[in-house]
N, C-alpha and C. Protein backbone atom coordinates (compact mmCIF):
# COMPACT_ATOMS: atom_id res chain seq x y z
N MET A 1 -4.11 3.96 -1.58
CA MET A 1 -2.79 4.48 -1.84
C MET A 1 -2.69 5.88 -1.27
N SER A 2 -1.71 6.12 -0.50
CA SER A 2 -1.51 7.41 0.14
C SER A 2 -0.84 8.38 -0.81
N PRO A 3 -1.26 9.67 -0.80
CA PRO A 3 -0.60 10.66 -1.65
C PRO A 3 0.89 10.77 -1.36
N ILE A 4 1.29 10.49 -0.13
CA ILE A 4 2.70 10.56 0.24
C ILE A 4 3.50 9.50 -0.51
N SER A 5 2.90 8.37 -0.78
CA SER A 5 3.63 7.27 -1.41
C SER A 5 3.61 7.34 -2.94
N LEU A 6 2.97 8.34 -3.50
CA LEU A 6 2.88 8.44 -4.95
C LEU A 6 4.17 8.98 -5.54
N THR A 7 4.94 8.08 -6.14
CA THR A 7 6.15 8.45 -6.86
C THR A 7 6.16 7.65 -8.15
N THR A 8 6.99 8.07 -9.06
CA THR A 8 7.11 7.33 -10.31
C THR A 8 7.58 5.91 -10.03
N ARG A 9 8.51 5.78 -9.12
CA ARG A 9 9.05 4.46 -8.79
C ARG A 9 7.96 3.55 -8.20
N SER A 10 7.15 4.10 -7.27
CA SER A 10 6.08 3.28 -6.68
C SER A 10 5.03 2.91 -7.72
N CYS A 11 4.76 3.81 -8.66
CA CYS A 11 3.80 3.50 -9.73
C CYS A 11 4.29 2.36 -10.60
N VAL A 12 5.55 2.41 -10.99
CA VAL A 12 6.12 1.33 -11.80
C VAL A 12 6.05 0.02 -11.04
N TYR A 13 6.41 0.05 -9.76
CA TYR A 13 6.37 -1.15 -8.94
C TYR A 13 4.96 -1.74 -8.92
N TRP A 14 3.95 -0.90 -8.59
CA TRP A 14 2.58 -1.39 -8.47
C TRP A 14 2.01 -1.82 -9.81
N LEU A 15 2.35 -1.13 -10.88
CA LEU A 15 1.87 -1.56 -12.19
C LEU A 15 2.40 -2.95 -12.52
N ASN A 16 3.67 -3.19 -12.24
CA ASN A 16 4.26 -4.51 -12.50
C ASN A 16 3.64 -5.59 -11.61
N GLU A 17 3.50 -5.30 -10.33
CA GLU A 17 2.94 -6.29 -9.40
C GLU A 17 1.47 -6.58 -9.69
N LEU A 18 0.68 -5.56 -9.97
CA LEU A 18 -0.74 -5.77 -10.24
C LEU A 18 -0.97 -6.51 -11.56
N THR A 19 -0.10 -6.28 -12.53
CA THR A 19 -0.20 -7.01 -13.79
C THR A 19 -0.03 -8.50 -13.58
N LYS A 20 0.83 -8.88 -12.64
CA LYS A 20 1.04 -10.30 -12.33
C LYS A 20 -0.22 -10.94 -11.78
N ILE A 21 -1.02 -10.15 -11.04
CA ILE A 21 -2.24 -10.69 -10.43
C ILE A 21 -3.38 -10.70 -11.45
N ASP A 22 -3.68 -9.53 -12.00
CA ASP A 22 -4.78 -9.39 -12.95
C ASP A 22 -4.63 -8.04 -13.64
N LYS A 23 -4.61 -8.02 -14.95
CA LYS A 23 -4.41 -6.77 -15.69
C LYS A 23 -5.51 -5.74 -15.41
N ARG A 24 -6.68 -6.23 -15.00
CA ARG A 24 -7.76 -5.29 -14.65
C ARG A 24 -7.34 -4.36 -13.53
N PHE A 25 -6.57 -4.89 -12.58
CA PHE A 25 -6.15 -4.08 -11.45
C PHE A 25 -5.27 -2.91 -11.88
N THR A 26 -4.47 -3.12 -12.92
CA THR A 26 -3.62 -2.02 -13.39
C THR A 26 -4.46 -0.90 -14.01
N VAL A 27 -5.56 -1.26 -14.64
CA VAL A 27 -6.45 -0.24 -15.23
C VAL A 27 -7.07 0.58 -14.10
N TYR A 28 -7.57 -0.09 -13.07
CA TYR A 28 -8.17 0.61 -11.93
C TYR A 28 -7.12 1.45 -11.21
N PHE A 29 -5.96 0.86 -10.96
CA PHE A 29 -4.87 1.57 -10.29
C PHE A 29 -4.47 2.81 -11.08
N SER A 30 -4.38 2.69 -12.39
CA SER A 30 -4.02 3.83 -13.23
C SER A 30 -5.03 4.96 -13.08
N ALA A 31 -6.31 4.61 -13.03
CA ALA A 31 -7.35 5.62 -12.86
C ALA A 31 -7.20 6.34 -11.52
N VAL A 32 -6.95 5.58 -10.47
CA VAL A 32 -6.80 6.19 -9.14
C VAL A 32 -5.58 7.10 -9.11
N VAL A 33 -4.49 6.67 -9.73
CA VAL A 33 -3.28 7.50 -9.77
C VAL A 33 -3.55 8.78 -10.56
N LEU A 34 -4.25 8.69 -11.68
CA LEU A 34 -4.57 9.89 -12.46
C LEU A 34 -5.41 10.86 -11.65
N LEU A 35 -6.37 10.34 -10.90
CA LEU A 35 -7.18 11.21 -10.05
C LEU A 35 -6.34 11.83 -8.93
N GLN A 36 -5.42 11.04 -8.39
CA GLN A 36 -4.56 11.54 -7.33
C GLN A 36 -3.63 12.64 -7.85
N VAL A 37 -3.07 12.43 -9.05
CA VAL A 37 -2.21 13.45 -9.66
C VAL A 37 -3.01 14.71 -9.95
N ALA A 38 -4.22 14.55 -10.48
CA ALA A 38 -5.06 15.71 -10.77
C ALA A 38 -5.33 16.50 -9.49
N ARG A 39 -5.59 15.79 -8.41
CA ARG A 39 -5.85 16.43 -7.12
C ARG A 39 -4.62 17.18 -6.63
N GLN A 40 -3.45 16.56 -6.75
CA GLN A 40 -2.21 17.21 -6.31
C GLN A 40 -1.91 18.44 -7.17
N ILE A 41 -2.14 18.34 -8.47
CA ILE A 41 -1.89 19.48 -9.35
C ILE A 41 -2.82 20.64 -9.01
N SER A 42 -4.08 20.33 -8.76
CA SER A 42 -5.02 21.41 -8.45
C SER A 42 -4.71 22.07 -7.11
N ARG A 43 -4.08 21.36 -6.20
CA ARG A 43 -3.74 21.93 -4.89
C ARG A 43 -2.37 22.60 -4.87
N ASN A 44 -1.38 21.92 -5.46
CA ASN A 44 0.02 22.37 -5.30
C ASN A 44 0.71 22.74 -6.59
N GLY A 45 0.03 22.65 -7.71
CA GLY A 45 0.69 22.93 -8.99
C GLY A 45 1.38 21.70 -9.55
N PHE A 46 2.01 21.89 -10.68
CA PHE A 46 2.62 20.81 -11.43
C PHE A 46 4.12 20.78 -11.15
N ASN A 47 4.72 19.59 -11.15
CA ASN A 47 6.17 19.48 -10.99
C ASN A 47 6.68 18.31 -11.82
N ASP A 48 7.99 18.15 -11.86
CA ASP A 48 8.61 17.12 -12.70
C ASP A 48 8.22 15.70 -12.26
N GLU A 49 8.11 15.47 -10.96
CA GLU A 49 7.74 14.14 -10.47
C GLU A 49 6.34 13.75 -10.96
N LEU A 50 5.41 14.70 -10.94
CA LEU A 50 4.06 14.42 -11.42
C LEU A 50 4.07 14.19 -12.93
N THR A 51 4.90 14.93 -13.66
CA THR A 51 5.03 14.71 -15.11
C THR A 51 5.50 13.28 -15.36
N ASP A 52 6.51 12.84 -14.63
CA ASP A 52 7.03 11.47 -14.80
C ASP A 52 5.96 10.43 -14.44
N THR A 53 5.19 10.70 -13.40
CA THR A 53 4.14 9.76 -12.99
C THR A 53 3.07 9.65 -14.06
N VAL A 54 2.64 10.78 -14.60
CA VAL A 54 1.63 10.77 -15.67
C VAL A 54 2.16 10.03 -16.89
N THR A 55 3.40 10.30 -17.26
CA THR A 55 4.00 9.63 -18.41
C THR A 55 4.09 8.12 -18.17
N THR A 56 4.41 7.72 -16.95
CA THR A 56 4.47 6.29 -16.60
C THR A 56 3.11 5.64 -16.77
N ILE A 57 2.06 6.31 -16.27
CA ILE A 57 0.72 5.74 -16.35
C ILE A 57 0.26 5.63 -17.79
N PHE A 58 0.48 6.68 -18.56
CA PHE A 58 0.02 6.65 -19.95
C PHE A 58 0.88 5.76 -20.82
N GLY A 59 2.11 5.51 -20.39
CA GLY A 59 2.98 4.61 -21.13
C GLY A 59 3.14 5.00 -22.58
N HIS A 60 2.81 4.11 -23.46
CA HIS A 60 3.02 4.36 -24.89
C HIS A 60 2.05 5.37 -25.48
N ILE A 61 0.98 5.69 -24.78
CA ILE A 61 0.06 6.69 -25.31
C ILE A 61 0.31 8.07 -24.73
N SER A 62 1.50 8.27 -24.12
CA SER A 62 1.79 9.56 -23.51
C SER A 62 1.86 10.68 -24.54
N ASP A 63 2.04 10.34 -25.82
CA ASP A 63 2.03 11.38 -26.85
C ASP A 63 0.70 12.11 -26.89
N GLN A 64 -0.39 11.42 -26.50
CA GLN A 64 -1.70 12.07 -26.46
C GLN A 64 -1.69 13.26 -25.54
N CYS A 65 -1.01 13.16 -24.42
CA CYS A 65 -1.04 14.26 -23.46
C CYS A 65 0.21 15.12 -23.55
N CYS A 66 1.12 14.79 -24.46
CA CYS A 66 2.37 15.54 -24.55
C CYS A 66 2.12 17.02 -24.80
N SER A 67 1.18 17.33 -25.69
CA SER A 67 0.92 18.73 -25.97
C SER A 67 0.39 19.45 -24.74
N VAL A 68 -0.38 18.77 -23.92
CA VAL A 68 -0.89 19.39 -22.70
C VAL A 68 0.24 19.53 -21.69
N LEU A 69 1.09 18.52 -21.57
CA LEU A 69 2.15 18.54 -20.58
C LEU A 69 3.27 19.52 -20.94
N CYS A 70 3.46 19.80 -22.25
CA CYS A 70 4.56 20.65 -22.67
C CYS A 70 4.21 22.13 -22.64
N LEU A 71 2.96 22.48 -22.46
CA LEU A 71 2.57 23.88 -22.41
C LEU A 71 3.15 24.53 -21.16
N PRO A 72 3.45 25.84 -21.25
CA PRO A 72 3.87 26.52 -20.02
C PRO A 72 2.74 26.42 -18.99
N ILE A 73 3.11 26.16 -17.77
CA ILE A 73 2.10 25.94 -16.74
C ILE A 73 1.56 27.30 -16.27
N THR A 74 0.33 27.56 -16.63
CA THR A 74 -0.40 28.73 -16.14
C THR A 74 -1.64 28.21 -15.45
N GLU A 75 -2.38 29.07 -14.85
CA GLU A 75 -3.60 28.64 -14.16
C GLU A 75 -4.55 27.96 -15.14
N LEU A 76 -4.68 28.52 -16.36
CA LEU A 76 -5.56 27.92 -17.36
C LEU A 76 -5.05 26.55 -17.78
N ASN A 77 -3.75 26.44 -18.05
CA ASN A 77 -3.19 25.16 -18.46
C ASN A 77 -3.32 24.12 -17.35
N THR A 78 -3.15 24.55 -16.11
CA THR A 78 -3.30 23.63 -14.98
C THR A 78 -4.72 23.09 -14.92
N SER A 79 -5.71 23.96 -15.08
CA SER A 79 -7.09 23.48 -15.02
C SER A 79 -7.41 22.57 -16.21
N GLU A 80 -6.85 22.87 -17.39
CA GLU A 80 -7.04 21.99 -18.55
C GLU A 80 -6.41 20.63 -18.29
N LEU A 81 -5.24 20.63 -17.69
CA LEU A 81 -4.56 19.37 -17.39
C LEU A 81 -5.33 18.55 -16.36
N VAL A 82 -5.82 19.21 -15.33
CA VAL A 82 -6.62 18.51 -14.31
C VAL A 82 -7.85 17.90 -14.97
N GLU A 83 -8.53 18.66 -15.83
CA GLU A 83 -9.71 18.16 -16.53
C GLU A 83 -9.35 16.97 -17.42
N PHE A 84 -8.23 17.06 -18.12
CA PHE A 84 -7.78 15.97 -18.99
C PHE A 84 -7.50 14.70 -18.17
N LEU A 85 -6.83 14.86 -17.03
CA LEU A 85 -6.51 13.71 -16.19
C LEU A 85 -7.77 13.07 -15.61
N GLN A 86 -8.72 13.90 -15.18
CA GLN A 86 -9.97 13.36 -14.65
C GLN A 86 -10.75 12.62 -15.73
N LYS A 87 -10.80 13.19 -16.93
CA LYS A 87 -11.50 12.53 -18.04
C LYS A 87 -10.83 11.20 -18.37
N SER A 88 -9.51 11.19 -18.41
CA SER A 88 -8.77 9.94 -18.68
C SER A 88 -9.02 8.91 -17.59
N ALA A 89 -9.08 9.36 -16.34
CA ALA A 89 -9.35 8.44 -15.23
C ALA A 89 -10.73 7.82 -15.38
N VAL A 90 -11.73 8.62 -15.75
CA VAL A 90 -13.08 8.10 -15.94
C VAL A 90 -13.10 7.08 -17.08
N GLU A 91 -12.35 7.34 -18.13
CA GLU A 91 -12.26 6.37 -19.23
C GLU A 91 -11.64 5.06 -18.74
N HIS A 92 -10.59 5.15 -17.92
CA HIS A 92 -9.97 3.94 -17.36
C HIS A 92 -10.96 3.20 -16.46
N LEU A 93 -11.68 3.94 -15.62
CA LEU A 93 -12.65 3.31 -14.72
C LEU A 93 -13.77 2.64 -15.50
N THR A 94 -14.19 3.24 -16.61
CA THR A 94 -15.23 2.64 -17.45
C THR A 94 -14.70 1.37 -18.11
N THR A 95 -13.47 1.41 -18.58
CA THR A 95 -12.86 0.22 -19.16
C THR A 95 -12.78 -0.89 -18.12
N TYR A 96 -12.41 -0.53 -16.91
CA TYR A 96 -12.36 -1.51 -15.81
C TYR A 96 -13.74 -2.13 -15.58
N ARG A 97 -14.77 -1.28 -15.49
CA ARG A 97 -16.14 -1.78 -15.27
C ARG A 97 -16.56 -2.72 -16.40
N GLN A 98 -16.25 -2.35 -17.64
CA GLN A 98 -16.63 -3.19 -18.78
C GLN A 98 -15.97 -4.55 -18.70
N SER A 99 -14.72 -4.58 -18.28
CA SER A 99 -14.00 -5.85 -18.14
C SER A 99 -14.61 -6.70 -17.02
N VAL A 100 -14.93 -6.07 -15.91
CA VAL A 100 -15.54 -6.80 -14.79
C VAL A 100 -16.92 -7.32 -15.20
N ALA A 101 -17.69 -6.48 -15.89
CA ALA A 101 -19.04 -6.90 -16.32
C ALA A 101 -18.96 -8.07 -17.29
N ARG A 102 -17.98 -8.04 -18.17
CA ARG A 102 -17.82 -9.12 -19.14
C ARG A 102 -17.50 -10.45 -18.44
N ASP A 103 -16.66 -10.39 -17.41
CA ASP A 103 -16.24 -11.62 -16.74
C ASP A 103 -17.15 -12.07 -15.60
N PHE A 104 -17.84 -11.12 -14.96
CA PHE A 104 -18.64 -11.47 -13.79
C PHE A 104 -20.12 -11.11 -13.92
N GLY A 105 -20.52 -10.69 -15.11
CA GLY A 105 -21.91 -10.29 -15.33
C GLY A 105 -22.91 -11.41 -15.13
N SER A 106 -22.46 -12.65 -15.18
CA SER A 106 -23.38 -13.77 -14.98
C SER A 106 -23.71 -14.01 -13.51
N VAL A 107 -22.90 -13.47 -12.60
CA VAL A 107 -23.15 -13.67 -11.18
C VAL A 107 -23.57 -12.40 -10.44
N ALA A 108 -23.44 -11.25 -11.09
CA ALA A 108 -23.82 -9.97 -10.47
C ALA A 108 -24.28 -9.02 -11.56
N THR A 109 -25.17 -8.13 -11.19
CA THR A 109 -25.60 -7.10 -12.12
C THR A 109 -24.62 -5.94 -12.02
N ILE A 110 -23.95 -5.65 -13.12
CA ILE A 110 -22.91 -4.62 -13.12
C ILE A 110 -23.21 -3.65 -14.26
N VAL A 111 -23.40 -2.39 -13.92
CA VAL A 111 -23.53 -1.37 -14.95
C VAL A 111 -22.15 -0.78 -15.19
N THR A 112 -21.91 -0.34 -16.39
CA THR A 112 -20.57 0.12 -16.75
C THR A 112 -20.46 1.63 -16.89
N THR A 113 -21.56 2.34 -16.68
CA THR A 113 -21.53 3.78 -16.94
C THR A 113 -21.70 4.63 -15.67
N ASP A 114 -21.47 4.06 -14.49
CA ASP A 114 -21.65 4.83 -13.26
C ASP A 114 -20.64 5.97 -13.15
N PHE A 115 -19.39 5.72 -13.51
CA PHE A 115 -18.39 6.78 -13.44
C PHE A 115 -18.63 7.84 -14.51
N GLU A 116 -19.09 7.40 -15.68
CA GLU A 116 -19.43 8.36 -16.73
C GLU A 116 -20.56 9.28 -16.28
N ALA A 117 -21.55 8.73 -15.58
CA ALA A 117 -22.66 9.54 -15.08
C ALA A 117 -22.17 10.56 -14.06
N MET A 118 -21.28 10.14 -13.16
CA MET A 118 -20.72 11.08 -12.18
C MET A 118 -19.96 12.20 -12.87
N TYR A 119 -19.18 11.83 -13.88
CA TYR A 119 -18.39 12.82 -14.60
C TYR A 119 -19.29 13.78 -15.38
N ALA A 120 -20.36 13.27 -15.97
CA ALA A 120 -21.31 14.13 -16.69
C ALA A 120 -21.94 15.12 -15.72
N TYR A 121 -22.28 14.67 -14.52
CA TYR A 121 -22.85 15.55 -13.51
C TYR A 121 -21.83 16.63 -13.12
N LYS A 122 -20.59 16.22 -12.90
CA LYS A 122 -19.53 17.15 -12.52
C LYS A 122 -19.35 18.23 -13.57
N ARG A 123 -19.42 17.86 -14.85
CA ARG A 123 -19.24 18.81 -15.94
C ARG A 123 -20.48 19.66 -16.20
N GLY A 124 -21.60 19.32 -15.56
CA GLY A 124 -22.82 20.08 -15.77
C GLY A 124 -23.64 19.57 -16.94
N ASP A 125 -23.29 18.40 -17.46
CA ASP A 125 -24.07 17.79 -18.55
C ASP A 125 -25.18 16.95 -17.91
N TYR A 126 -26.18 17.63 -17.36
CA TYR A 126 -27.21 16.98 -16.55
C TYR A 126 -28.11 16.06 -17.38
N GLN A 127 -28.32 16.38 -18.64
CA GLN A 127 -29.15 15.52 -19.49
C GLN A 127 -28.48 14.16 -19.69
N ARG A 128 -27.19 14.18 -19.98
CA ARG A 128 -26.44 12.93 -20.14
C ARG A 128 -26.39 12.15 -18.83
N CYS A 129 -26.17 12.85 -17.73
CA CYS A 129 -26.15 12.21 -16.41
C CYS A 129 -27.49 11.54 -16.13
N LEU A 130 -28.58 12.23 -16.40
CA LEU A 130 -29.91 11.67 -16.16
C LEU A 130 -30.15 10.44 -17.03
N GLN A 131 -29.74 10.53 -18.30
CA GLN A 131 -29.92 9.40 -19.22
C GLN A 131 -29.16 8.17 -18.72
N LEU A 132 -27.89 8.34 -18.38
CA LEU A 132 -27.07 7.21 -17.91
C LEU A 132 -27.58 6.67 -16.57
N SER A 133 -27.92 7.56 -15.66
CA SER A 133 -28.39 7.15 -14.34
C SER A 133 -29.72 6.40 -14.42
N THR A 134 -30.61 6.87 -15.29
CA THR A 134 -31.91 6.20 -15.47
C THR A 134 -31.69 4.78 -16.00
N GLN A 135 -30.82 4.64 -17.00
CA GLN A 135 -30.52 3.31 -17.53
C GLN A 135 -29.93 2.41 -16.43
N ASN A 136 -29.05 2.98 -15.61
CA ASN A 136 -28.42 2.21 -14.54
C ASN A 136 -29.45 1.76 -13.51
N VAL A 137 -30.37 2.66 -13.14
CA VAL A 137 -31.40 2.31 -12.15
C VAL A 137 -32.28 1.18 -12.68
N HIS A 138 -32.67 1.28 -13.95
CA HIS A 138 -33.50 0.22 -14.52
C HIS A 138 -32.78 -1.12 -14.52
N ALA A 139 -31.48 -1.10 -14.76
CA ALA A 139 -30.71 -2.35 -14.77
C ALA A 139 -30.50 -2.90 -13.36
N LEU A 140 -30.38 -2.01 -12.37
CA LEU A 140 -30.00 -2.43 -11.02
C LEU A 140 -31.17 -2.58 -10.05
N LEU A 141 -32.34 -2.10 -10.42
CA LEU A 141 -33.44 -2.00 -9.47
C LEU A 141 -33.75 -3.31 -8.76
N TYR A 142 -33.75 -4.41 -9.46
CA TYR A 142 -34.09 -5.70 -8.84
C TYR A 142 -32.88 -6.62 -8.75
N ALA A 143 -31.70 -6.05 -8.81
CA ALA A 143 -30.47 -6.84 -8.74
C ALA A 143 -30.26 -7.38 -7.33
N VAL A 144 -29.82 -8.60 -7.26
CA VAL A 144 -29.53 -9.22 -5.97
C VAL A 144 -28.11 -8.88 -5.53
N CYS A 145 -27.22 -8.80 -6.48
CA CYS A 145 -25.82 -8.54 -6.18
C CYS A 145 -25.30 -7.49 -7.16
N MET A 146 -24.66 -6.45 -6.62
CA MET A 146 -24.09 -5.41 -7.48
C MET A 146 -22.81 -4.89 -6.83
N PRO A 147 -21.91 -4.36 -7.66
CA PRO A 147 -20.66 -3.85 -7.09
C PRO A 147 -20.88 -2.51 -6.38
N GLU A 148 -19.91 -2.17 -5.58
CA GLU A 148 -19.92 -0.90 -4.88
C GLU A 148 -18.84 0.00 -5.46
N ILE A 149 -19.01 1.28 -5.24
CA ILE A 149 -17.99 2.25 -5.61
C ILE A 149 -17.24 2.58 -4.33
N HIS A 150 -15.95 2.35 -4.35
CA HIS A 150 -15.12 2.64 -3.18
C HIS A 150 -14.81 4.12 -3.18
N VAL A 151 -15.14 4.77 -2.10
CA VAL A 151 -14.99 6.21 -2.00
C VAL A 151 -13.72 6.51 -1.22
N SER A 152 -12.79 7.18 -1.88
CA SER A 152 -11.58 7.63 -1.21
C SER A 152 -11.31 9.06 -1.66
N LEU A 153 -10.30 9.67 -1.11
CA LEU A 153 -10.01 11.07 -1.43
C LEU A 153 -9.85 11.32 -2.93
N GLU A 154 -9.32 10.35 -3.65
CA GLU A 154 -9.10 10.53 -5.08
C GLU A 154 -10.40 10.71 -5.85
N PHE A 155 -11.48 10.12 -5.36
CA PHE A 155 -12.76 10.18 -6.07
C PHE A 155 -13.57 11.43 -5.74
N ILE A 156 -13.20 12.16 -4.71
CA ILE A 156 -13.98 13.31 -4.27
C ILE A 156 -14.21 14.34 -5.37
N PRO A 157 -13.23 14.65 -6.22
CA PRO A 157 -13.52 15.64 -7.27
C PRO A 157 -14.62 15.21 -8.25
N LEU A 158 -14.93 13.93 -8.30
CA LEU A 158 -16.00 13.46 -9.19
C LEU A 158 -17.37 13.58 -8.54
N PHE A 159 -17.41 13.77 -7.22
CA PHE A 159 -18.68 13.87 -6.50
C PHE A 159 -19.10 15.32 -6.38
N ASP A 160 -20.39 15.53 -6.13
CA ASP A 160 -20.86 16.90 -5.91
C ASP A 160 -20.74 17.23 -4.42
N GLY A 161 -21.04 18.46 -4.08
CA GLY A 161 -20.87 18.95 -2.72
C GLY A 161 -21.66 18.19 -1.67
N ASP A 162 -22.87 17.73 -2.00
CA ASP A 162 -23.69 17.03 -1.02
C ASP A 162 -23.06 15.70 -0.61
N ILE A 163 -22.56 14.95 -1.58
CA ILE A 163 -21.92 13.67 -1.25
C ILE A 163 -20.63 13.92 -0.46
N VAL A 164 -19.87 14.93 -0.86
CA VAL A 164 -18.64 15.25 -0.15
C VAL A 164 -18.95 15.66 1.30
N SER A 165 -20.01 16.42 1.49
CA SER A 165 -20.42 16.81 2.85
C SER A 165 -20.80 15.59 3.68
N LEU A 166 -21.52 14.66 3.08
CA LEU A 166 -21.89 13.44 3.78
C LEU A 166 -20.65 12.64 4.17
N LEU A 167 -19.70 12.53 3.26
CA LEU A 167 -18.47 11.80 3.57
C LEU A 167 -17.70 12.48 4.70
N ALA A 168 -17.67 13.80 4.69
CA ALA A 168 -16.98 14.52 5.76
C ALA A 168 -17.64 14.24 7.11
N LEU A 169 -18.97 14.21 7.13
CA LEU A 169 -19.67 13.89 8.38
C LEU A 169 -19.35 12.48 8.85
N LEU A 170 -19.28 11.53 7.90
CA LEU A 170 -18.94 10.15 8.27
C LEU A 170 -17.52 10.08 8.84
N LEU A 171 -16.60 10.80 8.21
CA LEU A 171 -15.22 10.80 8.70
C LEU A 171 -15.14 11.41 10.10
N MET A 172 -15.88 12.50 10.32
CA MET A 172 -15.88 13.12 11.65
C MET A 172 -16.50 12.19 12.69
N ARG A 173 -17.57 11.51 12.31
CA ARG A 173 -18.21 10.56 13.23
C ARG A 173 -17.23 9.46 13.60
N ASP A 174 -16.55 8.91 12.58
CA ASP A 174 -15.60 7.83 12.84
C ASP A 174 -14.45 8.30 13.73
N ARG A 175 -13.97 9.51 13.46
CA ARG A 175 -12.87 10.04 14.27
C ARG A 175 -13.30 10.18 15.72
N ASP A 176 -14.51 10.72 15.92
CA ASP A 176 -15.02 10.90 17.27
C ASP A 176 -15.27 9.57 17.98
N CYS A 177 -15.57 8.52 17.21
CA CYS A 177 -15.83 7.20 17.80
C CYS A 177 -14.57 6.35 17.90
N GLY A 178 -13.44 6.88 17.43
CA GLY A 178 -12.20 6.14 17.52
C GLY A 178 -11.90 5.24 16.33
N TYR A 179 -12.74 5.28 15.28
CA TYR A 179 -12.48 4.48 14.08
C TYR A 179 -11.49 5.20 13.19
N LYS A 180 -10.70 4.44 12.47
CA LYS A 180 -9.72 5.05 11.57
C LYS A 180 -9.81 4.45 10.18
N THR A 181 -11.02 4.19 9.69
CA THR A 181 -11.15 3.56 8.38
C THR A 181 -10.91 4.56 7.27
N GLY A 182 -11.68 5.65 7.22
CA GLY A 182 -11.57 6.62 6.14
C GLY A 182 -11.90 6.00 4.79
N TYR A 183 -12.60 4.90 4.79
CA TYR A 183 -12.86 4.13 3.59
C TYR A 183 -14.34 3.79 3.56
N TYR A 184 -15.04 4.22 2.54
CA TYR A 184 -16.47 4.01 2.46
C TYR A 184 -16.85 3.50 1.08
N CYS A 185 -18.01 2.90 1.01
CA CYS A 185 -18.53 2.38 -0.25
C CYS A 185 -19.95 2.89 -0.45
N ILE A 186 -20.33 2.99 -1.70
CA ILE A 186 -21.70 3.33 -2.06
C ILE A 186 -22.08 2.39 -3.20
N THR A 187 -23.29 1.84 -3.16
CA THR A 187 -23.68 0.92 -4.22
C THR A 187 -23.95 1.69 -5.50
N GLN A 188 -23.85 1.00 -6.61
CA GLN A 188 -24.15 1.62 -7.90
C GLN A 188 -25.60 2.11 -7.94
N LEU A 189 -26.51 1.36 -7.34
CA LEU A 189 -27.92 1.75 -7.35
C LEU A 189 -28.13 3.03 -6.55
N THR A 190 -27.54 3.11 -5.36
CA THR A 190 -27.69 4.31 -4.54
C THR A 190 -27.13 5.54 -5.26
N LEU A 191 -25.96 5.40 -5.84
CA LEU A 191 -25.37 6.52 -6.58
C LEU A 191 -26.24 6.92 -7.76
N SER A 192 -26.73 5.95 -8.51
CA SER A 192 -27.55 6.25 -9.69
C SER A 192 -28.86 6.93 -9.30
N LEU A 193 -29.48 6.47 -8.22
CA LEU A 193 -30.71 7.13 -7.74
C LEU A 193 -30.41 8.56 -7.30
N TYR A 194 -29.31 8.75 -6.61
CA TYR A 194 -28.93 10.08 -6.18
C TYR A 194 -28.72 11.00 -7.39
N LEU A 195 -28.00 10.52 -8.39
CA LEU A 195 -27.72 11.34 -9.57
C LEU A 195 -29.01 11.64 -10.36
N MET A 196 -29.93 10.71 -10.35
CA MET A 196 -31.21 10.97 -11.02
C MET A 196 -31.96 12.10 -10.34
N THR A 197 -31.98 12.10 -9.01
CA THR A 197 -32.71 13.15 -8.30
C THR A 197 -31.97 14.45 -8.34
């Protein structure tokens, strides 16, 4: 999803269409939108369109974030809001993983705490990150089939500088070679091993 296409109207449209296919997709989509909104707020500040988009995503639970959204927008409030949106996105992504693991765990090894581990690392909670990553590595070490984490601009704030630098190099390589994908994946095992080290 392109940041240019992020509007309240497009969110409503995609939420309705994805629900028709599989409700899991709306959970994942919601997480990506929350990360995209957090990224836009951290770069350009907050505006009414982003408020409407956040309210659309949270739907009936928007009262949870009402106190954060109603505060006068200062630099501190903006950073609190970005942190709140990222935390909510990680919760949505974890819910998505749990649903996928419940339905497809018999055919693939799926850990449900990979996004939580990334978020713990981002927050500086290295002990929690190590604990989750170690559990994930033990579960995935001999797995034949495991899901990948799709890396796009929305996920970059959850990664550390080294992974972001690697992605930038890949994008530059692709641009120089004439590729226009801008879309990469990393396995849960690779990410978990990286976070452990």
